[in-house]
């Protein structure tokens, strides 16, 4: 806030009061900016936490899906392995 020379106070006491008033206004503006910054930092931290939660949920669900897939494949694989083992055992018995 630039003042014209005619707007400046004539006496020292008035000038000092004007400076204190201007200083208080600037301090209040800095406080508002600092509070807005703190809010933005808190919102960013909250967003990061939500992202981490979402990523953890995704990993957990992917693990559950993979376990279910293995259960399905595992049953088939176990049957196939048992059949292969029993057929190999039959071949061994015949050879022996």
PDB file of N, CA and C in Angstrom:
ATOM      1  N   UNK A   1       0.840  -1.170   0.000  1.00  0.00           N
ATOM      2  CA  UNK A   1       0.000   0.000   0.000  1.00  0.00           C
ATOM      3  C   UNK A   1       0.890   1.239   0.000  1.00  0.00           C
ATOM      4  N   UNK A   2       1.001   1.905  -1.132  1.00  0.00           N
ATOM      5  CA  UNK A   2       1.852   3.080  -1.277  1.00  0.00           C
ATOM      6  C   UNK A   2       1.021   4.327  -0.995  1.00  0.00           C
ATOM      7  N   UNK A   3       1.535   5.142  -0.108  1.00  0.00           N
ATOM      8  CA  UNK A   3       0.827   6.366   0.253  1.00  0.00           C
ATOM      9  C   UNK A   3       1.435   7.550  -0.490  1.00  0.00           C
ATOM     10  N   UNK A   4       0.613   8.518  -0.801  1.00  0.00           N
ATOM     11  CA  UNK A   4       1.093   9.765  -1.411  1.00  0.00           C
ATOM     12  C   UNK A   4       1.663  10.636  -0.296  1.00  0.00           C
ATOM     13  N   UNK A   5       2.603  11.486  -0.625  1.00  0.00           N
ATOM     14  CA  UNK A   5       3.168  12.346   0.435  1.00  0.00           C
ATOM     15  C   UNK A   5       2.115  13.159   1.179  1.00  0.00           C
ATOM     16  N   UNK A   6       1.053  13.542   0.516  1.00  0.00           N
ATOM     17  CA  UNK A   6       0.029  14.331   1.198  1.00  0.00           C
ATOM     18  C   UNK A   6      -0.770  13.470   2.179  1.00  0.00           C
ATOM     19  N   UNK A   7      -0.783  12.121   1.978  1.00  0.00           N
ATOM     20  CA  UNK A   7      -1.505  11.223   2.870  1.00  0.00           C
ATOM     21  C   UNK A   7      -0.726  10.857   4.132  1.00  0.00           C
ATOM     22  N   UNK A   8       0.564  11.136   4.129  1.00  0.00           N
ATOM     23  CA  UNK A   8       1.394  10.775   5.279  1.00  0.00           C
ATOM     24  C   UNK A   8       1.085  11.680   6.461  1.00  0.00           C
ATOM     25  N   UNK A   9       1.132  11.083   7.669  1.00  0.00           N
ATOM     26  CA  UNK A   9       0.865  11.894   8.861  1.00  0.00           C
ATOM     27  C   UNK A   9       1.966  12.936   9.075  1.00  0.00           C
ATOM     28  N   UNK A  10       1.585  14.037   9.657  1.00  0.00           N
ATOM     29  CA  UNK A  10       2.535  15.131   9.873  1.00  0.00           C
ATOM     30  C   UNK A  10       3.371  14.912  11.122  1.00  0.00           C
ATOM     31  N   UNK A  11       2.802  14.332  12.155  1.00  0.00           N
ATOM     32  CA  UNK A  11       3.566  14.175  13.386  1.00  0.00           C
ATOM     33  C   UNK A  11       4.063  12.736  13.542  1.00  0.00           C
ATOM     34  N   UNK A  12       5.066  12.570  14.370  1.00  0.00           N
ATOM     35  CA  UNK A  12       5.729  11.291  14.562  1.00  0.00           C
ATOM     36  C   UNK A  12       4.805  10.260  15.203  1.00  0.00           C
ATOM     37  N   UNK A  13       3.978  10.629  16.131  1.00  0.00           N
ATOM     38  CA  UNK A  13       3.074   9.705  16.809  1.00  0.00           C
ATOM     39  C   UNK A  13       2.072   9.117  15.824  1.00  0.00           C
ATOM     40  N   UNK A  14       1.518   9.939  14.975  1.00  0.00           N
ATOM     41  CA  UNK A  14       0.555   9.469  13.977  1.00  0.00           C
ATOM     42  C   UNK A  14       1.231   8.549  12.963  1.00  0.00           C
ATOM     43  N   UNK A  15       2.462   8.881  12.591  1.00  0.00           N
ATOM     44  CA  UNK A  15       3.212   8.045  11.644  1.00  0.00           C
ATOM     45  C   UNK A  15       3.485   6.678  12.260  1.00  0.00           C
ATOM     46  N   UNK A  16       3.864   6.691  13.558  1.00  0.00           N
ATOM     47  CA  UNK A  16       4.134   5.435  14.256  1.00  0.00           C
ATOM     48  C   UNK A  16       2.872   4.583  14.327  1.00  0.00           C
ATOM     49  N   UNK A  17       1.741   5.184  14.648  1.00  0.00           N
ATOM     50  CA  UNK A  17       0.476   4.458  14.701  1.00  0.00           C
ATOM     51  C   UNK A  17       0.106   3.892  13.326  1.00  0.00           C
ATOM     52  N   UNK A  18       0.346   4.662  12.285  1.00  0.00           N
ATOM     53  CA  UNK A  18       0.055   4.201  10.921  1.00  0.00           C
ATOM     54  C   UNK A  18       0.928   2.997  10.571  1.00  0.00           C
ATOM     55  N   UNK A  19       2.206   3.051  10.956  1.00  0.00           N
ATOM     56  CA  UNK A  19       3.107   1.922  10.711  1.00  0.00           C
ATOM     57  C   UNK A  19       2.661   0.683  11.493  1.00  0.00           C
ATOM     58  N   UNK A  20       2.265   0.865  12.738  1.00  0.00           N
ATOM     59  CA  UNK A  20       1.783  -0.268  13.528  1.00  0.00           C
ATOM     60  C   UNK A  20       0.517  -0.863  12.917  1.00  0.00           C
ATOM     61  N   UNK A  21      -0.351  -0.007  12.444  1.00  0.00           N
ATOM     62  CA  UNK A  21      -1.582  -0.481  11.804  1.00  0.00           C
ATOM     63  C   UNK A  21      -1.259  -1.271  10.536  1.00  0.00           C
ATOM     64  N   UNK A  22      -0.370  -0.731   9.730  1.00  0.00           N
ATOM     65  CA  UNK A  22       0.035  -1.418   8.495  1.00  0.00           C
ATOM     66  C   UNK A  22       0.717  -2.746   8.817  1.00  0.00           C
ATOM     67  N   UNK A  23       1.529  -2.744   9.847  1.00  0.00           N
ATOM     68  CA  UNK A  23       2.208  -3.971  10.258  1.00  0.00           C
ATOM     69  C   UNK A  23       1.197  -5.024  10.718  1.00  0.00           C
ATOM     70  N   UNK A  24       0.189  -4.618  11.456  1.00  0.00           N
ATOM     71  CA  UNK A  24      -0.843  -5.553  11.926  1.00  0.00           C
ATOM     72  C   UNK A  24      -1.618  -6.134  10.743  1.00  0.00           C
ATOM     73  N   UNK A  25      -1.911  -5.291   9.753  1.00  0.00           N
ATOM     74  CA  UNK A  25      -2.624  -5.766   8.566  1.00  0.00           C
ATOM     75  C   UNK A  25      -1.778  -6.795   7.817  1.00  0.00           C
ATOM     76  N   UNK A  26      -0.499  -6.504   7.629  1.00  0.00           N
ATOM     77  CA  UNK A  26       0.396  -7.441   6.933  1.00  0.00           C
ATOM     78  C   UNK A  26       0.541  -8.749   7.711  1.00  0.00           C
ATOM     79  N   UNK A  27       0.628  -8.656   9.041  1.00  0.00           N
ATOM     80  CA  UNK A  27       0.736  -9.870   9.862  1.00  0.00           C
ATOM     81  C   UNK A  27      -0.525 -10.710   9.742  1.00  0.00           C
ATOM     82  N   UNK A  28      -1.688 -10.071   9.721  1.00  0.00           N
ATOM     83  CA  UNK A  28      -2.950 -10.797   9.577  1.00  0.00           C
ATOM     84  C   UNK A  28      -3.010 -11.487   8.217  1.00  0.00           C
ATOM     85  N   UNK A  29      -2.543 -10.811   7.167  1.00  0.00           N
ATOM     86  CA  UNK A  29      -2.512 -11.422   5.833  1.00  0.00           C
ATOM     87  C   UNK A  29      -1.573 -12.629   5.805  1.00  0.00           C
ATOM     88  N   UNK A  30      -0.409 -12.495   6.463  1.00  0.00           N
ATOM     89  CA  UNK A  30       0.527 -13.633   6.539  1.00  0.00           C
ATOM     90  C   UNK A  30      -0.084 -14.792   7.301  1.00  0.00           C
ATOM     91  N   UNK A  31      -0.812 -14.492   8.371  1.00  0.00           N
ATOM     92  CA  UNK A  31      -1.465 -15.545   9.150  1.00  0.00           C
ATOM     93  C   UNK A  31      -2.503 -16.285   8.313  1.00  0.00           C
ATOM     94  N   UNK A  32      -3.254 -15.533   7.502  1.00  0.00           N
ATOM     95  CA  UNK A  32      -4.257 -16.152   6.633  1.00  0.00           C
ATOM     96  C   UNK A  32      -3.572 -17.058   5.614  1.00  0.00           C
ATOM     97  N   UNK A  33      -2.496 -16.588   5.013  1.00  0.00           N
ATOM     98  CA  UNK A  33      -1.770 -17.388   4.019  1.00  0.00           C
ATOM     99  C   UNK A  33      -1.186 -18.640   4.672  1.00  0.00           C
ATOM    100  N   UNK A  34      -0.644 -18.495   5.876  1.00  0.00           N
ATOM    101  CA  UNK A  34      -0.084 -19.654   6.581  1.00  0.00           C
ATOM    102  C   UNK A  34      -1.183 -20.664   6.919  1.00  0.00           C
ATOM    103  N   UNK A  35      -2.345 -20.175   7.327  1.00  0.00           N
ATOM    104  CA  UNK A  35      -3.456 -21.078   7.645  1.00  0.00           C
ATOM    105  C   UNK A  35      -3.927 -21.802   6.384  1.00  0.00           C
ATOM    106  N   UNK A  36      -4.022 -21.090   5.270  1.00  0.00           N
ATOM    107  CA  UNK A  36      -4.413 -21.723   4.005  1.00  0.00           C
ATOM    108  C   UNK A  36      -3.395 -22.771   3.577  1.00  0.00           C
ATOM    109  N   UNK A  37      -2.109 -22.473   3.784  1.00  0.00           N
ATOM    110  CA  UNK A  37      -1.050 -23.429   3.464  1.00  0.00           C
ATOM    111  C   UNK A  37      -1.184 -24.683   4.332  1.00  0.00           C
ATOM    112  N   UNK A  38      -1.428 -24.482   5.620  1.00  0.00           N
ATOM    113  CA  UNK A  38      -1.587 -25.618   6.529  1.00  0.00           C
ATOM    114  C   UNK A  38      -2.778 -26.489   6.132  1.00  0.00           C
ATOM    115  N   UNK A  39      -3.861 -25.846   5.711  1.00  0.00           N
ATOM    116  CA  UNK A  39      -5.039 -26.591   5.258  1.00  0.00           C
ATOM    117  C   UNK A  39      -4.694 -27.403   4.015  1.00  0.00           C
ATOM    118  N   UNK A  40      -3.969 -26.777   3.081  1.00  0.00           N
ATOM    119  CA  UNK A  40      -3.585 -27.483   1.846  1.00  0.00           C
ATOM    120  C   UNK A  40      -2.671 -28.667   2.158  1.00  0.00           C
ATOM    121  N   UNK A  41      -1.748 -28.489   3.092  1.00  0.00           N
ATOM    122  CA  UNK A  41      -0.842 -29.581   3.476  1.00  0.00           C
ATOM    123  C   UNK A  41      -1.641 -30.717   4.118  1.00  0.00           C
ATOM    124  N   UNK A  42      -2.598 -30.371   4.966  1.00  0.00           N
ATOM    125  CA  UNK A  42      -3.425 -31.396   5.612  1.00  0.00           C
ATOM    126  C   UNK A  42      -4.276 -32.136   4.584  1.00  0.00           C
ATOM    127  N   UNK A  43      -4.814 -31.400   3.614  1.00  0.00           N
ATOM    128  CA  UNK A  43      -5.608 -32.046   2.568  1.00  0.00           C
ATOM    129  C   UNK A  43      -4.743 -32.974   1.718  1.00  0.00           C
ATOM    130  N   UNK A  44      -3.520 -32.554   1.427  1.00  0.00           N
ATOM    131  CA  UNK A  44      -2.607 -33.404   0.654  1.00  0.00           C
ATOM    132  C   UNK A  44      -2.260 -34.670   1.435  1.00  0.00           C
ATOM    133  N   UNK A  45      -2.028 -34.524   2.728  1.00  0.00           N
ATOM    134  CA  UNK A  45      -1.731 -35.699   3.564  1.00  0.00           C
ATOM    135  C   UNK A  45      -2.929 -36.632   3.627  1.00  0.00           C
ATOM    136  N   UNK A  46      -4.127 -36.073   3.706  1.00  0.00           N
ATOM    137  CA  UNK A  46      -5.338 -36.883   3.728  1.00  0.00           C
ATOM    138  C   UNK A  46      -5.506 -37.623   2.405  1.00  0.00           C
ATOM    139  N   UNK A  47      -5.260 -36.932   1.308  1.00  0.00           N
ATOM    140  CA  UNK A  47      -5.364 -37.574  -0.008  1.00  0.00           C
ATOM    141  C   UNK A  47      -4.333 -38.695  -0.142  1.00  0.00           C
ATOM    142  N   UNK A  48      -3.132 -38.467   0.363  1.00  0.00           N
ATOM    143  CA  UNK A  48      -2.089 -39.491   0.311  1.00  0.00           C
ATOM    144  C   UNK A  48      -2.488 -40.705   1.143  1.00  0.00           C
ATOM    145  N   UNK A  49      -3.086 -40.464   2.302  1.00  0.00           N
ATOM    146  CA  UNK A  49      -3.538 -41.573   3.155  1.00  0.00           C
ATOM    147  C   UNK A  49      -4.651 -42.366   2.466  1.00  0.00           C
ATOM    148  N   UNK A  50      -5.566 -41.659   1.820  1.00  0.00           N
ATOM    149  CA  UNK A  50      -6.640 -42.345   1.102  1.00  0.00           C
ATOM    150  C   UNK A  50      -6.078 -43.166  -0.050  1.00  0.00           C
ATOM    151  N   UNK A  51      -5.075 -42.619  -0.734  1.00  0.00           N
ATOM    152  CA  UNK A  51      -4.438 -43.350  -1.829  1.00  0.00           C
ATOM    153  C   UNK A  51      -3.754 -44.603  -1.295  1.00  0.00           C
ATOM    154  N   UNK A  52      -3.064 -44.480  -0.183  1.00  0.00           N
ATOM    155  CA  UNK A  52      -2.400 -45.641   0.413  1.00  0.00           C
ATOM    156  C   UNK A  52      -3.416 -46.700   0.814  1.00  0.00           C
ATOM    157  N   UNK A  53      -4.530 -46.263   1.394  1.00  0.00           N
ATOM    158  CA  UNK A  53      -5.582 -47.209   1.761  1.00  0.00           C
ATOM    159  C   UNK A  53      -6.127 -47.923   0.530  1.00  0.00           C
ATOM    160  N   UNK A  54      -6.342 -47.162  -0.530  1.00  0.00           N
ATOM    161  CA  UNK A  54      -6.866 -47.754  -1.766  1.00  0.00           C
ATOM    162  C   UNK A  54      -5.866 -48.747  -2.357  1.00  0.00           C
ATOM    163  N   UNK A  55      -4.594 -48.376  -2.339  1.00  0.00           N
ATOM    164  CA  UNK A  55      -3.570 -49.282  -2.861  1.00  0.00           C
ATOM    165  C   UNK A  55      -3.506 -50.559  -2.030  1.00  0.00           C
ATOM    166  N   UNK A  56      -3.602 -50.428  -0.715  1.00  0.00           N
ATOM    167  CA  UNK A  56      -3.575 -51.606   0.156  1.00  0.00           C
ATOM    168  C   UNK A  56      -4.786 -52.495  -0.107  1.00  0.00           C
ATOM    169  N   UNK A  57      -5.942 -51.891  -0.310  1.00  0.00           N
ATOM    170  CA  UNK A  57      -7.147 -52.657  -0.620  1.00  0.00           C
ATOM    171  C   UNK A  57      -6.990 -53.397  -1.949  1.00  0.00           C
ATOM    172  N   UNK A  58      -6.436 -52.716  -2.935  1.00  0.00           N
ATOM    173  CA  UNK A  58      -6.219 -53.342  -4.245  1.00  0.00           C
ATOM    174  C   UNK A  58      -5.291 -54.545  -4.109  1.00  0.00           C
ATOM    175  N   UNK A  59      -4.203 -54.376  -3.383  1.00  0.00           N
ATOM    176  CA  UNK A  59      -3.252 -55.481  -3.195  1.00  0.00           C
ATOM    177  C   UNK A  59      -3.929 -56.635  -2.465  1.00  0.00           C
ATOM    178  N   UNK A  60      -4.710 -56.322  -1.453  1.00  0.00           N
ATOM    179  CA  UNK A  60      -5.416 -57.354  -0.703  1.00  0.00           C
ATOM    180  C   UNK A  60      -6.400 -58.112  -1.594  1.00  0.00           C
ATOM    181  N   UNK A  61      -7.145 -57.379  -2.409  1.00  0.00           N
ATOM    182  CA  UNK A  61      -8.104 -58.027  -3.311  1.00  0.00           C
ATOM    183  C   UNK A  61      -7.392 -58.850  -4.387  1.00  0.00           C
ATOM    184  N   UNK A  62      -6.275 -58.336  -4.904  1.00  0.00           N
ATOM    185  CA  UNK A  62      -5.507 -59.108  -5.885  1.00  0.00           C
ATOM    186  C   UNK A  62      -5.007 -60.409  -5.271  1.00  0.00           C
ATOM    187  N   UNK A  63      -4.565 -60.349  -4.018  1.00  0.00           N
ATOM    188  CA  UNK A  63      -4.108 -61.553  -3.323  1.00  0.00           C
ATOM    189  C   UNK A  63      -5.252 -62.546  -3.154  1.00  0.00           C
ATOM    190  N   UNK A  64      -6.421 -62.044  -2.758  1.00  0.00           N
ATOM    191  CA  UNK A  64      -7.579 -62.927  -2.592  1.00  0.00           C
ATOM    192  C   UNK A  64      -7.964 -63.571  -3.924  1.00  0.00           C
ATOM    193  N   UNK A  65      -7.937 -62.799  -4.992  1.00  0.00           N
ATOM    194  CA  UNK A  65      -8.250 -63.334  -6.325  1.00  0.00           C
ATOM    195  C   UNK A  65      -7.244 -64.407  -6.705  1.00  0.00           C
ATOM    196  N   UNK A  66      -5.968 -64.148  -6.462  1.00  0.00           N
ATOM    197  CA  UNK A  66      -4.936 -65.129  -6.808  1.00  0.00           C
ATOM    198  C   UNK A  66      -5.098 -66.406  -5.981  1.00  0.00           C
ATOM    199  N   UNK A  67      -5.449 -66.264  -4.710  1.00  0.00           N
ATOM    200  CA  UNK A  67      -5.679 -67.450  -3.884  1.00  0.00           C
ATOM    201  C   UNK A  67      -6.836 -68.273  -4.430  1.00  0.00           C
ATOM    202  N   UNK A  68      -7.903 -67.599  -4.825  1.00  0.00           N
ATOM    203  CA  UNK A  68      -9.043 -68.314  -5.396  1.00  0.00           C
ATOM    204  C   UNK A  68      -8.664 -69.001  -6.704  1.00  0.00           C
ATOM    205  N   UNK A  69      -7.886 -68.314  -7.522  1.00  0.00           N
ATOM    206  CA  UNK A  69      -7.429 -68.935  -8.781  1.00  0.00           C
ATOM    207  C   UNK A  69      -6.587 -70.168  -8.497  1.00  0.00           C
ATOM    208  N   UNK A  70      -5.714 -70.063  -7.511  1.00  0.00           N
ATOM    209  CA  UNK A  70      -4.870 -71.215  -7.174  1.00  0.00           C
ATOM    210  C   UNK A  70      -5.697 -72.366  -6.635  1.00  0.00           C
ATOM    211  N   UNK A  71      -6.738 -72.028  -5.874  1.00  0.00           N
ATOM    212  CA  UNK A  71      -7.615 -73.096  -5.386  1.00  0.00           C
ATOM    213  C   UNK A  71      -8.263 -73.826  -6.547  1.00  0.00           C
ATOM    214  N   UNK A  72      -8.746 -73.059  -7.522  1.00  0.00           N
ATOM    215  CA  UNK A  72      -9.368 -73.691  -8.689  1.00  0.00           C
ATOM    216  C   UNK A  72      -8.350 -74.492  -9.490  1.00  0.00           C
ATOM    217  N   UNK A  73      -7.231 -73.888  -9.787  1.00  0.00           N
ATOM    218  CA  UNK A  73      -6.201 -74.590 -10.567  1.00  0.00           C
ATOM    219  C   UNK A  73      -5.587 -75.715  -9.755  1.00  0.00           C
ATOM    220  N   UNK A  74      -5.445 -75.470  -8.474  1.00  0.00           N
ATOM    221  CA  UNK A  74      -4.822 -76.464  -7.611  1.00  0.00           C
ATOM    222  C   UNK A  74      -5.608 -77.754  -7.571  1.00  0.00           C
ATOM    223  N   UNK A  75      -6.901 -77.666  -7.497  1.00  0.00           N
ATOM    224  CA  UNK A  75      -7.709 -78.872  -7.484  1.00  0.00           C
ATOM    225  C   UNK A  75      -7.539 -79.627  -8.786  1.00  0.00           C
ATOM    226  N   UNK A  76      -7.548 -78.916  -9.868  1.00  0.00           N
ATOM    227  CA  UNK A  76      -7.349 -79.577 -11.163  1.00  0.00           C
ATOM    228  C   UNK A  76      -5.944 -80.155 -11.253  1.00  0.00           C
ATOM    229  N   UNK A  77      -4.969 -79.372 -10.816  1.00  0.00           N
ATOM    230  CA  UNK A  77      -3.581 -79.825 -10.877  1.00  0.00           C
ATOM    231  C   UNK A  77      -3.357 -81.034  -9.986  1.00  0.00           C
ATOM    232  N   UNK A  78      -3.988 -81.016  -8.808  1.00  0.00           N
ATOM    233  CA  UNK A  78      -3.838 -82.160  -7.909  1.00  0.00           C
ATOM    234  C   UNK A  78      -4.440 -83.413  -8.527  1.00  0.00           C
ATOM    235  N   UNK A  79      -5.592 -83.272  -9.146  1.00  0.00           N
ATOM    236  CA  UNK A  79      -6.198 -84.434  -9.806  1.00  0.00           C
ATOM    237  C   UNK A  79      -5.296 -84.936 -10.918  1.00  0.00           C
ATOM    238  N   UNK A  80      -4.791 -84.011 -11.716  1.00  0.00           N
ATOM    239  CA  UNK A  80      -3.913 -84.395 -12.823  1.00  0.00           C
ATOM    240  C   UNK A  80      -2.651 -85.049 -12.287  1.00  0.00           C
ATOM    241  N   UNK A  81      -2.098 -84.501 -11.228  1.00  0.00           N
ATOM    242  CA  UNK A  81      -0.884 -85.075 -10.654  1.00  0.00           C
ATOM    243  C   UNK A  81      -1.154 -86.470 -10.108  1.00  0.00           C
ATOM    244  N   UNK A  82      -2.303 -86.649  -9.450  1.00  0.00           N
ATOM    245  CA  UNK A  82      -2.649 -87.968  -8.936  1.00  0.00           C
ATOM    246  C   UNK A  82      -2.831 -88.967 -10.069  1.00  0.00           C
ATOM    247  N   UNK A  83      -3.499 -88.532 -11.135  1.00  0.00           N
ATOM    248  CA  UNK A  83      -3.686 -89.424 -12.277  1.00  0.00           C
ATOM    249  C   UNK A  83      -2.349 -89.783 -12.916  1.00  0.00           C
ATOM    250  N   UNK A  84      -1.496 -88.791 -13.081  1.00  0.00           N
ATOM    251  CA  UNK A  84      -0.175 -89.053 -13.661  1.00  0.00           C
ATOM    252  C   UNK A  84       0.639 -89.973 -12.763  1.00  0.00           C
ATOM    253  N   UNK A  85       0.566 -89.748 -11.460  1.00  0.00           N
ATOM    254  CA  UNK A  85       1.314 -90.579 -10.532  1.00  0.00           C
ATOM    255  C   UNK A  85       0.809 -92.018 -10.573  1.00  0.00           C
ATOM    256  N   UNK A  86      -0.510 -92.170 -10.594  1.00  0.00           N
ATOM    257  CA  UNK A  86      -1.049 -93.535 -10.602  1.00  0.00           C
ATOM    258  C   UNK A  86      -0.724 -94.231 -11.921  1.00  0.00           C
ATOM    259  N   UNK A  87      -0.724 -93.475 -13.037  1.00  0.00           N
ATOM    260  CA  UNK A  87      -0.383 -94.115 -14.311  1.00  0.00           C
ATOM    261  C   UNK A  87       1.102 -94.465 -14.356  1.00  0.00           C
ATOM    262  N   UNK A  88       1.971 -93.642 -13.763  1.00  0.00           N
ATOM    263  CA  UNK A  88       3.397 -93.950 -13.709  1.00  0.00           C
ATOM    264  C   UNK A  88       3.635 -95.155 -12.805  1.00  0.00           C
ATOM    265  N   UNK A  89       2.876 -95.218 -11.721  1.00  0.00           N
ATOM    266  CA  UNK A  89       2.997 -96.383 -10.821  1.00  0.00           C
ATOM    267  C   UNK A  89       2.596 -97.662 -11.539  1.00  0.00           C
ATOM    268  N   UNK A  90       1.569 -97.576 -12.369  1.00  0.00           N
ATOM    269  CA  UNK A  90       1.111 -98.750 -13.123  1.00  0.00           C
ATOM    270  C   UNK A  90       2.184 -99.172 -14.098  1.00  0.00           C
ATOM    271  N   UNK A  91       2.806 -98.212 -14.754  1.00  0.00           N
ATOM    272  CA  UNK A  91       3.865 -98.517 -15.720  1.00  0.00           C
ATOM    273  C   UNK A  91       5.041 -99.146 -15.009  1.00  0.00           C
ATOM    274  N   UNK A  92       5.406 -98.652 -13.846  1.00  0.00           N
ATOM    275  CA  UNK A  92       6.525 -99.188 -13.081  1.00  0.00           C
ATOM    276  C   UNK A  92       6.240-100.635 -12.655  1.00  0.00           C
ATOM    277  N   UNK A  93       5.013-100.887 -12.263  1.00  0.00           N
ATOM    278  CA  UNK A  93       4.645-102.224 -11.840  1.00  0.00           C
ATOM    279  C   UNK A  93       4.753-103.197 -13.016  1.00  0.00           C
ATOM    280  N   UNK A  94       4.328-102.709 -14.180  1.00  0.00           N
ATOM    281  CA  UNK A  94       4.388-103.571 -15.354  1.00  0.00           C
ATOM    282  C   UNK A  94       5.824-103.863 -15.766  1.00  0.00           C
ATOM    283  N   UNK A  95       6.676-102.868 -15.649  1.00  0.00           N
ATOM    284  CA  UNK A  95       8.085-103.035 -16.020  1.00  0.00           C
ATOM    285  C   UNK A  95       8.789-103.944 -15.054  1.00  0.00           C
ATOM    286  N   UNK A  96       8.465-103.833 -13.818  1.00  0.00           N
ATOM    287  CA  UNK A  96       9.132-104.616 -12.791  1.00  0.00           C
ATOM    288  C   UNK A  96       8.687-106.025 -12.831  1.00  0.00           C
TER     289      UNK A  96
END
